[in-house]
Amino acid sequence: MASDDVAHEFCQVMTTCSARADAETLGRSVVEARLAPCAQVEGPITSTFWWDGAVQVEEEWRVVFKTPTDRYAALAQHILDHHAYDVPEIISLPILAGTPDYLGWMRTETRAG
């Protein structure tokens, strides 16, 4: 599929959690809410960041969602509502190309139910 066919129609959304169980619970709740057709949990990863005026180093678990862009706002709100962090990472990147079958599956599974 050419990139022009899907430009800005789909996105990849990422967040991080402090525990694997939290990442898996969040991923499942997003999929059950049909805000993304799947959630992938990666980790552990080591994150270095500023928080409370000091550099922190923590082990985290990344959760990656791929979804139609028109589901982003609801997905981001769901993450905010169900996340343990005060300021969770919620980053969206455009998907520039993908196979028609996979992109169609993403669209269908976020509309079903």
PDB file of N, CA and C in Angstrom:
ATOM      1  N   MET A   1       0.852  -1.171   0.000  1.00  0.00           N
ATOM      2  CA  MET A   1       0.000   0.000   0.000  1.00  0.00           C
ATOM      3  C   MET A   1       0.898   1.234   0.000  1.00  0.00           C
ATOM      4  N   ALA A   2       0.629   2.142  -0.872  1.00  0.00           N
ATOM      5  CA  ALA A   2       1.433   3.354  -0.974  1.00  0.00           C
ATOM      6  C   ALA A   2       1.206   4.243   0.240  1.00  0.00           C
ATOM      7  N   SER A   3       2.216   5.008   0.604  1.00  0.00           N
ATOM      8  CA  SER A   3       2.103   5.852   1.779  1.00  0.00           C
ATOM      9  C   SER A   3       1.004   6.894   1.635  1.00  0.00           C
ATOM     10  N   ASP A   4       0.739   7.387   0.437  1.00  0.00           N
ATOM     11  CA  ASP A   4      -0.314   8.371   0.241  1.00  0.00           C
ATOM     12  C   ASP A   4      -1.689   7.814   0.591  1.00  0.00           C
ATOM     13  N   ASP A   5      -1.860   6.494   0.469  1.00  0.00           N
ATOM     14  CA  ASP A   5      -3.154   5.868   0.730  1.00  0.00           C
ATOM     15  C   ASP A   5      -3.516   5.861   2.206  1.00  0.00           C
ATOM     16  N   VAL A   6      -2.545   5.892   3.099  1.00  0.00           N
ATOM     17  CA  VAL A   6      -2.829   5.796   4.528  1.00  0.00           C
ATOM     18  C   VAL A   6      -2.301   6.968   5.335  1.00  0.00           C
ATOM     19  N   ALA A   7      -1.720   7.957   4.692  1.00  0.00           N
ATOM     20  CA  ALA A   7      -1.121   9.073   5.423  1.00  0.00           C
ATOM     21  C   ALA A   7      -2.119   9.648   6.421  1.00  0.00           C
ATOM     22  N   HIS A   8      -1.746   9.629   7.663  1.00  0.00           N
ATOM     23  CA  HIS A   8      -2.516  10.180   8.774  1.00  0.00           C
ATOM     24  C   HIS A   8      -3.812   9.425   9.070  1.00  0.00           C
ATOM     25  N   GLU A   9      -4.065   8.307   8.412  1.00  0.00           N
ATOM     26  CA  GLU A   9      -5.275   7.531   8.691  1.00  0.00           C
ATOM     27  C   GLU A   9      -5.071   6.571   9.858  1.00  0.00           C
ATOM     28  N   PHE A  10      -3.817   6.170  10.109  1.00  0.00           N
ATOM     29  CA  PHE A  10      -3.499   5.240  11.189  1.00  0.00           C
ATOM     30  C   PHE A  10      -2.314   5.781  11.970  1.00  0.00           C
ATOM     31  N   CYS A  11      -2.227   5.392  13.246  1.00  0.00           N
ATOM     32  CA  CYS A  11      -1.111   5.844  14.073  1.00  0.00           C
ATOM     33  C   CYS A  11      -0.682   4.748  15.039  1.00  0.00           C
ATOM     34  N   GLN A  12       0.523   4.912  15.552  1.00  0.00           N
ATOM     35  CA  GLN A  12       1.064   4.063  16.603  1.00  0.00           C
ATOM     36  C   GLN A  12       1.144   4.922  17.854  1.00  0.00           C
ATOM     37  N   VAL A  13       0.578   4.435  18.936  1.00  0.00           N
ATOM     38  CA  VAL A  13       0.536   5.182  20.188  1.00  0.00           C
ATOM     39  C   VAL A  13       1.332   4.408  21.235  1.00  0.00           C
ATOM     40  N   MET A  14       2.173   5.124  21.980  1.00  0.00           N
ATOM     41  CA  MET A  14       3.020   4.487  22.985  1.00  0.00           C
ATOM     42  C   MET A  14       2.819   5.133  24.349  1.00  0.00           C
ATOM     43  N   THR A  15       2.945   4.293  25.368  1.00  0.00           N
ATOM     44  CA  THR A  15       2.995   4.754  26.743  1.00  0.00           C
ATOM     45  C   THR A  15       3.920   3.816  27.502  1.00  0.00           C
ATOM     46  N   THR A  16       4.252   4.163  28.729  1.00  0.00           N
ATOM     47  CA  THR A  16       5.071   3.291  29.568  1.00  0.00           C
ATOM     48  C   THR A  16       4.398   3.138  30.926  1.00  0.00           C
ATOM     49  N   CYS A  17       4.668   2.007  31.566  1.00  0.00           N
ATOM     50  CA  CYS A  17       4.148   1.704  32.902  1.00  0.00           C
ATOM     51  C   CYS A  17       5.303   1.209  33.766  1.00  0.00           C
ATOM     52  N   SER A  18       5.139   1.335  35.074  1.00  0.00           N
ATOM     53  CA  SER A  18       6.226   0.953  35.978  1.00  0.00           C
ATOM     54  C   SER A  18       6.278  -0.544  36.256  1.00  0.00           C
ATOM     55  N   ALA A  19       5.226  -1.274  35.919  1.00  0.00           N
ATOM     56  CA  ALA A  19       5.209  -2.720  36.178  1.00  0.00           C
ATOM     57  C   ALA A  19       4.578  -3.451  35.000  1.00  0.00           C
ATOM     58  N   ARG A  20       5.060  -4.649  34.750  1.00  0.00           N
ATOM     59  CA  ARG A  20       4.529  -5.453  33.646  1.00  0.00           C
ATOM     60  C   ARG A  20       3.033  -5.692  33.812  1.00  0.00           C
ATOM     61  N   ALA A  21       2.601  -6.017  35.018  1.00  0.00           N
ATOM     62  CA  ALA A  21       1.175  -6.273  35.254  1.00  0.00           C
ATOM     63  C   ALA A  21       0.331  -5.051  34.909  1.00  0.00           C
ATOM     64  N   ASP A  22       0.817  -3.854  35.254  1.00  0.00           N
ATOM     65  CA  ASP A  22       0.084  -2.627  34.922  1.00  0.00           C
ATOM     66  C   ASP A  22       0.005  -2.439  33.406  1.00  0.00           C
ATOM     67  N   ALA A  23       1.110  -2.709  32.717  1.00  0.00           N
ATOM     68  CA  ALA A  23       1.144  -2.575  31.254  1.00  0.00           C
ATOM     69  C   ALA A  23       0.175  -3.556  30.609  1.00  0.00           C
ATOM     70  N   GLU A  24       0.160  -4.793  31.091  1.00  0.00           N
ATOM     71  CA  GLU A  24      -0.740  -5.797  30.529  1.00  0.00           C
ATOM     72  C   GLU A  24      -2.200  -5.470  30.816  1.00  0.00           C
ATOM     73  N   THR A  25      -2.493  -4.979  32.022  1.00  0.00           N
ATOM     74  CA  THR A  25      -3.858  -4.589  32.367  1.00  0.00           C
ATOM     75  C   THR A  25      -4.324  -3.427  31.504  1.00  0.00           C
ATOM     76  N   LEU A  26      -3.465  -2.429  31.329  1.00  0.00           N
ATOM     77  CA  LEU A  26      -3.818  -1.287  30.486  1.00  0.00           C
ATOM     78  C   LEU A  26      -4.040  -1.733  29.048  1.00  0.00           C
ATOM     79  N   GLY A  27      -3.136  -2.554  28.538  1.00  0.00           N
ATOM     80  CA  GLY A  27      -3.278  -3.045  27.169  1.00  0.00           C
ATOM     81  C   GLY A  27      -4.592  -3.779  26.973  1.00  0.00           C
ATOM     82  N   ARG A  28      -4.924  -4.647  27.898  1.00  0.00           N
ATOM     83  CA  ARG A  28      -6.178  -5.409  27.786  1.00  0.00           C
ATOM     84  C   ARG A  28      -7.393  -4.480  27.833  1.00  0.00           C
ATOM     85  N   SER A  29      -7.370  -3.492  28.726  1.00  0.00           N
ATOM     86  CA  SER A  29      -8.527  -2.594  28.839  1.00  0.00           C
ATOM     87  C   SER A  29      -8.731  -1.776  27.564  1.00  0.00           C
ATOM     88  N   VAL A  30      -7.642  -1.385  26.923  1.00  0.00           N
ATOM     89  CA  VAL A  30      -7.739  -0.642  25.654  1.00  0.00           C
ATOM     90  C   VAL A  30      -8.327  -1.535  24.566  1.00  0.00           C
ATOM     91  N   VAL A  31      -7.848  -2.769  24.478  1.00  0.00           N
ATOM     92  CA  VAL A  31      -8.354  -3.691  23.455  1.00  0.00           C
ATOM     93  C   VAL A  31      -9.825  -4.015  23.721  1.00  0.00           C
ATOM     94  N   GLU A  32     -10.177  -4.273  24.974  1.00  0.00           N
ATOM     95  CA  GLU A  32     -11.578  -4.565  25.298  1.00  0.00           C
ATOM     96  C   GLU A  32     -12.492  -3.391  24.972  1.00  0.00           C
ATOM     97  N   ALA A  33     -11.984  -2.166  25.109  1.00  0.00           N
ATOM     98  CA  ALA A  33     -12.761  -0.967  24.780  1.00  0.00           C
ATOM     99  C   ALA A  33     -12.794  -0.690  23.277  1.00  0.00           C
ATOM    100  N   ARG A  34     -12.100  -1.524  22.490  1.00  0.00           N
ATOM    101  CA  ARG A  34     -12.034  -1.396  21.032  1.00  0.00           C
ATOM    102  C   ARG A  34     -11.407  -0.072  20.587  1.00  0.00           C
ATOM    103  N   LEU A  35     -10.475   0.431  21.385  1.00  0.00           N
ATOM    104  CA  LEU A  35      -9.759   1.651  21.020  1.00  0.00           C
ATOM    105  C   LEU A  35      -8.510   1.349  20.211  1.00  0.00           C
ATOM    106  N   ALA A  36      -8.069   0.102  20.252  1.00  0.00           N
ATOM    107  CA  ALA A  36      -6.969  -0.411  19.432  1.00  0.00           C
ATOM    108  C   ALA A  36      -7.223  -1.909  19.283  1.00  0.00           C
ATOM    109  N   PRO A  37      -6.860  -2.484  18.149  1.00  0.00           N
ATOM    110  CA  PRO A  37      -7.115  -3.908  17.966  1.00  0.00           C
ATOM    111  C   PRO A  37      -6.122  -4.818  18.683  1.00  0.00           C
ATOM    112  N   CYS A  38      -4.990  -4.260  19.123  1.00  0.00           N
ATOM    113  CA  CYS A  38      -4.021  -5.050  19.863  1.00  0.00           C
ATOM    114  C   CYS A  38      -3.140  -4.115  20.686  1.00  0.00           C
ATOM    115  N   ALA A  39      -2.507  -4.716  21.685  1.00  0.00           N
ATOM    116  CA  ALA A  39      -1.544  -4.000  22.518  1.00  0.00           C
ATOM    117  C   ALA A  39      -0.313  -4.888  22.633  1.00  0.00           C
ATOM    118  N   GLN A  40       0.840  -4.305  22.465  1.00  0.00           N
ATOM    119  CA  GLN A  40       2.092  -5.039  22.591  1.00  0.00           C
ATOM    120  C   GLN A  40       2.858  -4.482  23.781  1.00  0.00           C
ATOM    121  N   VAL A  41       3.249  -5.367  24.684  1.00  0.00           N
ATOM    122  CA  VAL A  41       4.002  -4.971  25.871  1.00  0.00           C
ATOM    123  C   VAL A  41       5.457  -5.364  25.653  1.00  0.00           C
ATOM    124  N   GLU A  42       6.349  -4.412  25.813  1.00  0.00           N
ATOM    125  CA  GLU A  42       7.779  -4.617  25.627  1.00  0.00           C
ATOM    126  C   GLU A  42       8.499  -4.261  26.911  1.00  0.00           C
ATOM    127  N   GLY A  43       9.543  -5.008  27.219  1.00  0.00           N
ATOM    128  CA  GLY A  43      10.332  -4.614  28.364  1.00  0.00           C
ATOM    129  C   GLY A  43      10.943  -5.806  29.054  1.00  0.00           C
ATOM    130  N   PRO A  44      11.614  -5.503  30.103  1.00  0.00           N
ATOM    131  CA  PRO A  44      11.719  -4.166  30.680  1.00  0.00           C
ATOM    132  C   PRO A  44      12.687  -3.279  29.894  1.00  0.00           C
ATOM    133  N   ILE A  45      12.449  -1.989  29.999  1.00  0.00           N
ATOM    134  CA  ILE A  45      13.335  -0.983  29.439  1.00  0.00           C
ATOM    135  C   ILE A  45      13.800  -0.096  30.592  1.00  0.00           C
ATOM    136  N   THR A  46      14.897   0.585  30.399  1.00  0.00           N
ATOM    137  CA  THR A  46      15.383   1.527  31.400  1.00  0.00           C
ATOM    138  C   THR A  46      15.120   2.937  30.894  1.00  0.00           C
ATOM    139  N   SER A  47      14.407   3.707  31.690  1.00  0.00           N
ATOM    140  CA  SER A  47      14.090   5.093  31.331  1.00  0.00           C
ATOM    141  C   SER A  47      14.831   6.042  32.264  1.00  0.00           C
ATOM    142  N   THR A  48      15.430   7.066  31.686  1.00  0.00           N
ATOM    143  CA  THR A  48      16.101   8.117  32.432  1.00  0.00           C
ATOM    144  C   THR A  48      15.363   9.409  32.129  1.00  0.00           C
ATOM    145  N   PHE A  49      14.902  10.122  33.174  1.00  0.00           N
ATOM    146  CA  PHE A  49      14.045  11.282  32.946  1.00  0.00           C
ATOM    147  C   PHE A  49      14.084  12.228  34.143  1.00  0.00           C
ATOM    148  N   TRP A  50      13.686  13.468  33.893  1.00  0.00           N
ATOM    149  CA  TRP A  50      13.552  14.449  34.959  1.00  0.00           C
ATOM    150  C   TRP A  50      12.187  14.278  35.607  1.00  0.00           C
ATOM    151  N   TRP A  51      12.138  14.235  36.956  1.00  0.00           N
ATOM    152  CA  TRP A  51      10.876  14.217  37.679  1.00  0.00           C
ATOM    153  C   TRP A  51      11.135  14.717  39.090  1.00  0.00           C
ATOM    154  N   ASP A  52      10.287  15.594  39.572  1.00  0.00           N
ATOM    155  CA  ASP A  52      10.429  16.173  40.914  1.00  0.00           C
ATOM    156  C   ASP A  52      11.791  16.836  41.104  1.00  0.00           C
ATOM    157  N   GLY A  53      12.279  17.507  40.046  1.00  0.00           N
ATOM    158  CA  GLY A  53      13.503  18.276  40.143  1.00  0.00           C
ATOM    159  C   GLY A  53      14.796  17.491  40.137  1.00  0.00           C
ATOM    160  N   ALA A  54      14.710  16.193  39.810  1.00  0.00           N
ATOM    161  CA  ALA A  54      15.923  15.377  39.805  1.00  0.00           C
ATOM    162  C   ALA A  54      15.856  14.360  38.663  1.00  0.00           C
ATOM    163  N   VAL A  55      17.017  13.903  38.262  1.00  0.00           N
ATOM    164  CA  VAL A  55      17.075  12.860  37.242  1.00  0.00           C
ATOM    165  C   VAL A  55      16.737  11.531  37.908  1.00  0.00           C
ATOM    166  N   GLN A  56      15.794  10.826  37.321  1.00  0.00           N
ATOM    167  CA  GLN A  56      15.362   9.521  37.816  1.00  0.00           C
ATOM    168  C   GLN A  56      15.769   8.453  36.807  1.00  0.00           C
ATOM    169  N   VAL A  57      16.053   7.262  37.283  1.00  0.00           N
ATOM    170  CA  VAL A  57      16.321   6.109  36.427  1.00  0.00           C
ATOM    171  C   VAL A  57      15.414   4.991  36.934  1.00  0.00           C
ATOM    172  N   GLU A  58      14.516   4.527  36.069  1.00  0.00           N
ATOM    173  CA  GLU A  58      13.526   3.525  36.478  1.00  0.00           C
ATOM    174  C   GLU A  58      13.373   2.449  35.407  1.00  0.00           C
ATOM    175  N   GLU A  59      13.003   1.267  35.840  1.00  0.00           N
ATOM    176  CA  GLU A  59      12.626   0.196  34.921  1.00  0.00           C
ATOM    177  C   GLU A  59      11.153   0.403  34.566  1.00  0.00           C
ATOM    178  N   GLU A  60      10.859   0.327  33.276  1.00  0.00           N
ATOM    179  CA  GLU A  60       9.490   0.503  32.806  1.00  0.00           C
ATOM    180  C   GLU A  60       9.170  -0.548  31.749  1.00  0.00           C
ATOM    181  N   TRP A  61       7.889  -0.614  31.428  1.00  0.00           N
ATOM    182  CA  TRP A  61       7.373  -1.496  30.380  1.00  0.00           C
ATOM    183  C   TRP A  61       6.638  -0.625  29.383  1.00  0.00           C
ATOM    184  N   ARG A  62       6.991  -0.762  28.110  1.00  0.00           N
ATOM    185  CA  ARG A  62       6.372   0.031  27.048  1.00  0.00           C
ATOM    186  C   ARG A  62       5.148  -0.715  26.518  1.00  0.00           C
ATOM    187  N   VAL A  63       4.075   0.038  26.303  1.00  0.00           N
ATOM    188  CA  VAL A  63       2.879  -0.518  25.677  1.00  0.00           C
ATOM    189  C   VAL A  63       2.689   0.219  24.353  1.00  0.00           C
ATOM    190  N   VAL A  64       2.587  -0.550  23.271  1.00  0.00           N
ATOM    191  CA  VAL A  64       2.449   0.014  21.927  1.00  0.00           C
ATOM    192  C   VAL A  64       1.087  -0.399  21.380  1.00  0.00           C
ATOM    193  N   PHE A  65       0.347   0.579  20.900  1.00  0.00           N
ATOM    194  CA  PHE A  65      -0.945   0.364  20.272  1.00  0.00           C
ATOM    195  C   PHE A  65      -0.865   0.881  18.840  1.00  0.00           C
ATOM    196  N   LYS A  66      -1.514   0.222  17.915  1.00  0.00           N
ATOM    197  CA  LYS A  66      -1.689   0.741  16.560  1.00  0.00           C
ATOM    198  C   LYS A  66      -3.185   0.852  16.338  1.00  0.00           C
ATOM    199  N   THR A  67      -3.635   1.987  15.789  1.00  0.00           N
ATOM    200  CA  THR A  67      -5.068   2.229  15.702  1.00  0.00           C
ATOM    201  C   THR A  67      -5.369   3.260  14.626  1.00  0.00           C
ATOM    202  N   PRO A  68      -6.599   3.318  14.148  1.00  0.00           N
ATOM    203  CA  PRO A  68      -6.974   4.416  13.254  1.00  0.00           C
ATOM    204  C   PRO A  68      -6.836   5.754  13.996  1.00  0.00           C
ATOM    205  N   THR A  69      -6.372   6.749  13.306  1.00  0.00           N
ATOM    206  CA  THR A  69      -6.128   8.055  13.917  1.00  0.00           C
ATOM    207  C   THR A  69      -7.381   8.652  14.536  1.00  0.00           C
ATOM    208  N   ASP A  70      -8.536   8.363  13.971  1.00  0.00           N
ATOM    209  CA  ASP A  70      -9.758   8.921  14.548  1.00  0.00           C
ATOM    210  C   ASP A  70     -10.106   8.305  15.906  1.00  0.00           C
ATOM    211  N   ARG A  71      -9.391   7.274  16.337  1.00  0.00           N
ATOM    212  CA  ARG A  71      -9.577   6.677  17.659  1.00  0.00           C
ATOM    213  C   ARG A  71      -8.568   7.223  18.671  1.00  0.00           C
ATOM    214  N   TYR A  72      -7.612   8.065  18.198  1.00  0.00           N
ATOM    215  CA  TYR A  72      -6.548   8.545  19.077  1.00  0.00           C
ATOM    216  C   TYR A  72      -7.081   9.291  20.301  1.00  0.00           C
ATOM    217  N   ALA A  73      -7.968  10.233  20.130  1.00  0.00           N
ATOM    218  CA  ALA A  73      -8.430  11.043  21.264  1.00  0.00           C
ATOM    219  C   ALA A  73      -9.057  10.161  22.344  1.00  0.00           C
ATOM    220  N   ALA A  74      -9.893   9.219  21.950  1.00  0.00           N
ATOM    221  CA  ALA A  74     -10.517   8.322  22.927  1.00  0.00           C
ATOM    222  C   ALA A  74      -9.477   7.405  23.569  1.00  0.00           C
ATOM    223  N   LEU A  75      -8.517   6.946  22.788  1.00  0.00           N
ATOM    224  CA  LEU A  75      -7.440   6.102  23.318  1.00  0.00           C
ATOM    225  C   LEU A  75      -6.604   6.879  24.328  1.00  0.00           C
ATOM    226  N   ALA A  76      -6.207   8.096  23.988  1.00  0.00           N
ATOM    227  CA  ALA A  76      -5.410   8.912  24.904  1.00  0.00           C
ATOM    228  C   ALA A  76      -6.176   9.176  26.202  1.00  0.00           C
ATOM    229  N   GLN A  77      -7.467   9.457  26.102  1.00  0.00           N
ATOM    230  CA  GLN A  77      -8.264   9.699  27.300  1.00  0.00           C
ATOM    231  C   GLN A  77      -8.361   8.438  28.153  1.00  0.00           C
ATOM    232  N   HIS A  78      -8.509   7.299  27.504  1.00  0.00           N
ATOM    233  CA  HIS A  78      -8.565   6.020  28.231  1.00  0.00           C
ATOM    234  C   HIS A  78      -7.255   5.785  28.981  1.00  0.00           C
ATOM    235  N   ILE A  79      -6.136   6.039  28.322  1.00  0.00           N
ATOM    236  CA  ILE A  79      -4.841   5.880  28.983  1.00  0.00           C
ATOM    237  C   ILE A  79      -4.759   6.813  30.193  1.00  0.00           C
ATOM    238  N   LEU A  80      -5.132   8.069  30.012  1.00  0.00           N
ATOM    239  CA  LEU A  80      -5.104   9.023  31.131  1.00  0.00           C
ATOM    240  C   LEU A  80      -5.994   8.562  32.286  1.00  0.00           C
ATOM    241  N   ASP A  81      -7.162   8.046  31.969  1.00  0.00           N
ATOM    242  CA  ASP A  81      -8.119   7.623  32.996  1.00  0.00           C
ATOM    243  C   ASP A  81      -7.692   6.370  33.745  1.00  0.00           C
ATOM    244  N   HIS A  82      -6.862   5.514  33.111  1.00  0.00           N
ATOM    245  CA  HIS A  82      -6.516   4.226  33.701  1.00  0.00           C
ATOM    246  C   HIS A  82      -5.036   4.076  34.073  1.00  0.00           C
ATOM    247  N   HIS A  83      -4.266   5.132  33.935  1.00  0.00           N
ATOM    248  CA  HIS A  83      -2.819   5.056  34.163  1.00  0.00           C
ATOM    249  C   HIS A  83      -2.472   5.453  35.586  1.00  0.00           C
ATOM    250  N   ALA A  84      -1.469   4.797  36.151  1.00  0.00           N
ATOM    251  CA  ALA A  84      -1.030   5.102  37.519  1.00  0.00           C
ATOM    252  C   ALA A  84      -0.179   6.365  37.598  1.00  0.00           C
ATOM    253  N   TYR A  85       0.463   6.772  36.499  1.00  0.00           N
ATOM    254  CA  TYR A  85       1.335   7.946  36.524  1.00  0.00           C
ATOM    255  C   TYR A  85       0.516   9.234  36.541  1.00  0.00           C
ATOM    256  N   ASP A  86       1.061  10.269  37.191  1.00  0.00           N
ATOM    257  CA  ASP A  86       0.437  11.588  37.160  1.00  0.00           C
ATOM    258  C   ASP A  86       0.480  12.183  35.755  1.00  0.00           C
ATOM    259  N   VAL A  87       1.610  11.975  35.069  1.00  0.00           N
ATOM    260  CA  VAL A  87       1.810  12.502  33.717  1.00  0.00           C
ATOM    261  C   VAL A  87       2.344  11.366  32.842  1.00  0.00           C
ATOM    262  N   PRO A  88       1.454  10.503  32.362  1.00  0.00           N
ATOM    263  CA  PRO A  88       1.941   9.385  31.543  1.00  0.00           C
ATOM    264  C   PRO A  88       2.401   9.851  30.167  1.00  0.00           C
ATOM    265  N   GLU A  89       3.391   9.153  29.664  1.00  0.00           N
ATOM    266  CA  GLU A  89       3.802   9.356  28.270  1.00  0.00           C
ATOM    267  C   GLU A  89       2.663   8.862  27.381  1.00  0.00           C
ATOM    268  N   ILE A  90       2.206   9.707  26.486  1.00  0.00           N
ATOM    269  CA  ILE A  90       1.251   9.306  25.452  1.00  0.00           C
ATOM    270  C   ILE A  90       1.729   9.978  24.176  1.00  0.00           C
ATOM    271  N   ILE A  91       2.336   9.192  23.306  1.00  0.00           N
ATOM    272  CA  ILE A  91       2.929   9.712  22.079  1.00  0.00           C
ATOM    273  C   ILE A  91       2.311   8.981  20.900  1.00  0.00           C
ATOM    274  N   SER A  92       1.953   9.741  19.884  1.00  0.00           N
ATOM    275  CA  SER A  92       1.389   9.160  18.665  1.00  0.00           C
ATOM    276  C   SER A  92       2.296   9.468  17.481  1.00  0.00           C
ATOM    277  N   LEU A  93       2.570   8.438  16.693  1.00  0.00           N
ATOM    278  CA  LEU A  93       3.364   8.591  15.476  1.00  0.00           C
ATOM    279  C   LEU A  93       2.528   8.094  14.300  1.00  0.00           C
ATOM    280  N   PRO A  94       2.594   8.768  13.165  1.00  0.00           N
ATOM    281  CA  PRO A  94       1.804   8.315  12.014  1.00  0.00           C
ATOM    282  C   PRO A  94       2.347   7.012  11.440  1.00  0.00           C
ATOM    283  N   ILE A  95       1.437   6.179  10.979  1.00  0.00           N
ATOM    284  CA  ILE A  95       1.797   4.989  10.216  1.00  0.00           C
ATOM    285  C   ILE A  95       1.714   5.404   8.756  1.00  0.00           C
ATOM    286  N   LEU A  96       2.814   5.356   8.066  1.00  0.00           N
ATOM    287  CA  LEU A  96       2.869   5.863   6.695  1.00  0.00           C
ATOM    288  C   LEU A  96       2.485   4.824   5.658  1.00  0.00           C
ATOM    289  N   ALA A  97       2.604   3.559   5.994  1.00  0.00           N
ATOM    290  CA  ALA A  97       2.245   2.507   5.045  1.00  0.00           C
ATOM    291  C   ALA A  97       1.991   1.227   5.822  1.00  0.00           C
ATOM    292  N   GLY A  98       1.251   0.334   5.198  1.00  0.00           N
ATOM    293  CA  GLY A  98       0.976  -0.962   5.801  1.00  0.00           C
ATOM    294  C   GLY A  98       0.237  -1.829   4.805  1.00  0.00           C
ATOM    295  N   THR A  99       0.170  -3.111   5.068  1.00  0.00           N
ATOM    296  CA  THR A  99      -0.543  -3.990   4.146  1.00  0.00           C
ATOM    297  C   THR A  99      -2.039  -3.731   4.261  1.00  0.00           C
ATOM    298  N   PRO A 100      -2.746  -3.799   3.147  1.00  0.00           N
ATOM    299  CA  PRO A 100      -4.190  -3.536   3.168  1.00  0.00           C
ATOM    300  C   PRO A 100      -4.943  -4.434   4.145  1.00  0.00           C
ATOM    301  N   ASP A 101      -4.570  -5.706   4.234  1.00  0.00           N
ATOM    302  CA  ASP A 101      -5.267  -6.619   5.129  1.00  0.00           C
ATOM    303  C   ASP A 101      -5.099  -6.203   6.595  1.00  0.00           C
ATOM    304  N   TYR A 102      -3.878  -5.843   6.975  1.00  0.00           N
ATOM    305  CA  TYR A 102      -3.634  -5.455   8.364  1.00  0.00           C
ATOM    306  C   TYR A 102      -4.338  -4.145   8.695  1.00  0.00           C
ATOM    307  N   LEU A 103      -4.236  -3.170   7.818  1.00  0.00           N
ATOM    308  CA  LEU A 103      -4.889  -1.887   8.067  1.00  0.00           C
ATOM    309  C   LEU A 103      -6.403  -2.053   8.119  1.00  0.00           C
ATOM    310  N   GLY A 104      -6.938  -2.887   7.252  1.00  0.00           N
ATOM    311  CA  GLY A 104      -8.371  -3.158   7.279  1.00  0.00           C
ATOM    312  C   GLY A 104      -8.791  -3.820   8.574  1.00  0.00           C
ATOM    313  N   TRP A 105      -7.966  -4.744   9.061  1.00  0.00           N
ATOM    314  CA  TRP A 105      -8.231  -5.404  10.333  1.00  0.00           C
ATOM    315  C   TRP A 105      -8.258  -4.393  11.472  1.00  0.00           C
ATOM    316  N   MET A 106      -7.301  -3.457  11.484  1.00  0.00           N
ATOM    317  CA  MET A 106      -7.290  -2.429  12.524  1.00  0.00           C
ATOM    318  C   MET A 106      -8.579  -1.623  12.493  1.00  0.00           C
ATOM    319  N   ARG A 107      -9.003  -1.237  11.305  1.00  0.00           N
ATOM    320  CA  ARG A 107     -10.224  -0.438  11.162  1.00  0.00           C
ATOM    321  C   ARG A 107     -11.436  -1.240  11.651  1.00  0.00           C
ATOM    322  N   THR A 108     -11.558  -2.490  11.194  1.00  0.00           N
ATOM    323  CA  THR A 108     -12.709  -3.311  11.548  1.00  0.00           C
ATOM    324  C   THR A 108     -12.789  -3.570  13.043  1.00  0.00           C
ATOM    325  N   GLU A 109     -11.680  -3.909  13.681  1.00  0.00           N
ATOM    326  CA  GLU A 109     -11.696  -4.289  15.088  1.00  0.00           C
ATOM    327  C   GLU A 109     -11.868  -3.113  16.033  1.00  0.00           C
ATOM    328  N   THR A 110     -11.714  -1.898  15.547  1.00  0.00           N
ATOM    329  CA  THR A 110     -11.976  -0.738  16.394  1.00  0.00           C
ATOM    330  C   THR A 110     -13.375  -0.185  16.148  1.00  0.00           C
ATOM    331  N   ARG A 111     -14.135  -0.858  15.304  1.00  0.00           N
ATOM    332  CA  ARG A 111     -15.519  -0.455  15.024  1.00  0.00           C
ATOM    333  C   ARG A 111     -16.511  -1.532  15.461  1.00  0.00           C
ATOM    334  N   ALA A 112     -16.012  -2.753  15.666  1.00  0.00           N
ATOM    335  CA  ALA A 112     -16.881  -3.890  15.988  1.00  0.00           C
ATOM    336  C   ALA A 112     -17.435  -3.784  17.396  1.00  0.00           C
ATOM    337  N   GLY A 113     -18.419  -4.601  17.663  1.00  0.00           N
ATOM    338  CA  GLY A 113     -18.962  -4.662  19.029  1.00  0.00           C
ATOM    339  C   GLY A 113     -20.211  -3.944  19.108  1.00  0.00           C
TER     340      GLY A 113
END
